[in-house]
Amino acid sequence: MRFDDPPPRPTNLAAYPYVVVRVACPQCRDRQGSYRLARLAAKFGPETPLDEVLDRIAMDCPWRDPPRGRIKSQYVPKCRAHFVDLERPGRPPDLPPGLMKLRVIGGGKG
């Protein structure tokens, strides 16, 4: 493993790297939310796989596959809920303000 390789994807809540767990769905624009990792671990258990946590969070999604199964088709929309911070690297959702980089704001005294 090289230093510039992305870290491995966690498999359960105990290995989740952030304090805030953000979930979103590009299919449904109004379905997004953030949860505290400690509350999710208390509710579902720390060893619960992330796929199962996502299934439970998005269980009321209208595009979720029903338990009996739906005919797979490229024309039928599917639920695409995902963990936002695991999909794209960037600023962690729980980065303390003191660790953010300083910004230069134009228009100051000069």
Protein backbone atom coordinates (compact mmCIF):
# COMPACT_ATOMS: atom_id res chain seq x y z
CA MET A 1 0.00 0.00 0.00
CA ARG A 2 1.39 3.38 -1.01
CA PHE A 3 0.92 6.63 0.89
CA ASP A 4 -1.12 8.25 -1.88
CA ASP A 5 -3.55 5.31 -2.13
CA PRO A 6 -7.01 5.98 -0.71
CA PRO A 7 -7.72 4.28 2.61
CA PRO A 8 -9.67 1.02 2.42
CA ARG A 9 -13.45 1.32 2.61
CA PRO A 10 -14.72 0.51 6.12
CA THR A 11 -16.99 -2.52 6.41
CA ASN A 12 -18.90 -1.71 9.59
CA LEU A 13 -19.85 1.21 11.86
CA ALA A 14 -16.94 0.54 14.22
CA ALA A 15 -14.49 1.24 11.37
CA TYR A 16 -16.28 4.34 10.02
CA PRO A 17 -13.66 7.13 9.90
CA TYR A 18 -15.82 10.15 10.78
CA VAL A 19 -18.04 11.23 13.68
CA VAL A 20 -20.76 12.42 11.29
CA VAL A 21 -22.30 9.94 8.82
CA ARG A 22 -23.80 11.68 5.78
CA VAL A 23 -26.19 9.84 3.45
CA ALA A 24 -27.62 11.13 0.16
CA CYS A 25 -29.37 9.88 -2.95
CA PRO A 26 -28.84 11.51 -6.35
CA GLN A 27 -32.11 9.91 -7.54
CA CYS A 28 -34.20 11.74 -4.92
CA ARG A 29 -32.95 15.29 -4.47
CA ASP A 30 -34.74 15.84 -1.16
CA ARG A 31 -33.46 12.63 0.47
CA GLN A 32 -30.27 13.46 2.31
CA GLY A 33 -29.29 13.55 5.92
CA SER A 34 -26.55 13.36 8.49
CA TYR A 35 -26.39 11.15 11.55
CA ARG A 36 -24.10 10.93 14.55
CA LEU A 37 -21.95 7.81 14.38
CA ALA A 38 -22.42 7.11 18.09
CA ARG A 39 -26.22 7.16 17.78
CA LEU A 40 -26.16 4.83 14.77
CA ALA A 41 -23.82 2.44 16.63
CA ALA A 42 -26.12 2.49 19.67
CA LYS A 43 -29.19 1.85 17.52
CA PHE A 44 -27.84 -0.79 15.12
CA GLY A 45 -24.73 -2.07 16.91
CA PRO A 46 -21.09 -1.17 16.15
CA GLU A 47 -20.40 -4.36 14.19
CA THR A 48 -23.35 -3.87 11.81
CA PRO A 49 -22.16 -3.84 8.17
CA LEU A 50 -22.44 -0.48 6.43
CA ASP A 51 -24.58 -1.98 3.65
CA GLU A 52 -27.14 -3.08 6.24
CA VAL A 53 -27.09 0.35 7.92
CA LEU A 54 -27.74 1.98 4.54
CA ASP A 55 -30.59 -0.47 3.85
CA ARG A 56 -32.20 0.41 7.18
CA ILE A 57 -31.80 4.16 6.71
CA ALA A 58 -33.23 4.08 3.18
CA MET A 59 -35.87 1.40 3.78
CA ASP A 60 -38.75 3.76 2.99
CA CYS A 61 -37.28 4.89 -0.35
CA PRO A 62 -39.83 4.43 -3.16
CA TRP A 63 -37.08 3.11 -5.47
CA ARG A 64 -35.81 0.45 -3.05
CA ASP A 65 -36.18 -3.15 -4.20
CA PRO A 66 -39.03 -4.85 -2.33
CA PRO A 67 -38.14 -8.04 -0.39
CA ARG A 68 -39.80 -10.26 -3.00
CA GLY A 69 -37.67 -8.65 -5.70
CA ARG A 70 -38.41 -6.52 -8.68
CA ILE A 71 -37.63 -7.33 -12.28
CA LYS A 72 -34.23 -5.83 -13.03
CA SER A 73 -34.44 -3.36 -15.88
CA GLN A 74 -32.35 -0.45 -17.06
CA TYR A 75 -35.53 1.60 -17.40
CA VAL A 76 -36.73 1.16 -13.81
CA PRO A 77 -35.11 3.71 -11.45
CA LYS A 78 -33.22 2.22 -8.52
CA CYS A 79 -32.38 3.58 -5.11
CA ARG A 80 -28.88 5.01 -5.21
CA ALA A 81 -28.43 6.00 -1.58
CA HIS A 82 -24.80 6.12 -0.55
CA PHE A 83 -22.42 7.39 2.12
CA VAL A 84 -21.36 10.79 0.78
CA ASP A 85 -17.99 11.04 2.53
CA LEU A 86 -16.85 7.56 1.53
CA GLU A 87 -17.55 8.09 -2.17
CA ARG A 88 -15.58 11.26 -2.75
CA PRO A 89 -12.47 12.46 -0.96
CA GLY A 90 -12.43 15.97 0.35
CA ARG A 91 -12.94 17.85 3.57
CA PRO A 92 -14.23 15.55 6.31
CA PRO A 93 -17.68 16.50 7.61
CA ASP A 94 -16.44 16.71 11.19
CA LEU A 95 -13.24 18.72 10.68
CA PRO A 96 -12.80 21.14 13.61
CA PRO A 97 -12.80 24.82 12.60
CA GLY A 98 -9.28 25.24 13.98
CA LEU A 99 -7.89 22.80 11.42
CA MET A 100 -9.43 24.48 8.38
CA LYS A 101 -7.07 26.37 6.12
CA LEU A 102 -7.00 30.14 6.37
CA ARG A 103 -8.58 32.10 3.53
CA VAL A 104 -7.66 35.53 2.21
CA ILE A 105 -10.73 37.74 1.91
CA GLY A 106 -10.49 40.51 -0.63
CA GLY A 107 -11.47 44.08 0.18
CA GLY A 108 -9.72 44.37 3.50
CA LYS A 109 -7.57 47.26 4.74
CA GLY A 110 -4.63 47.79 2.49
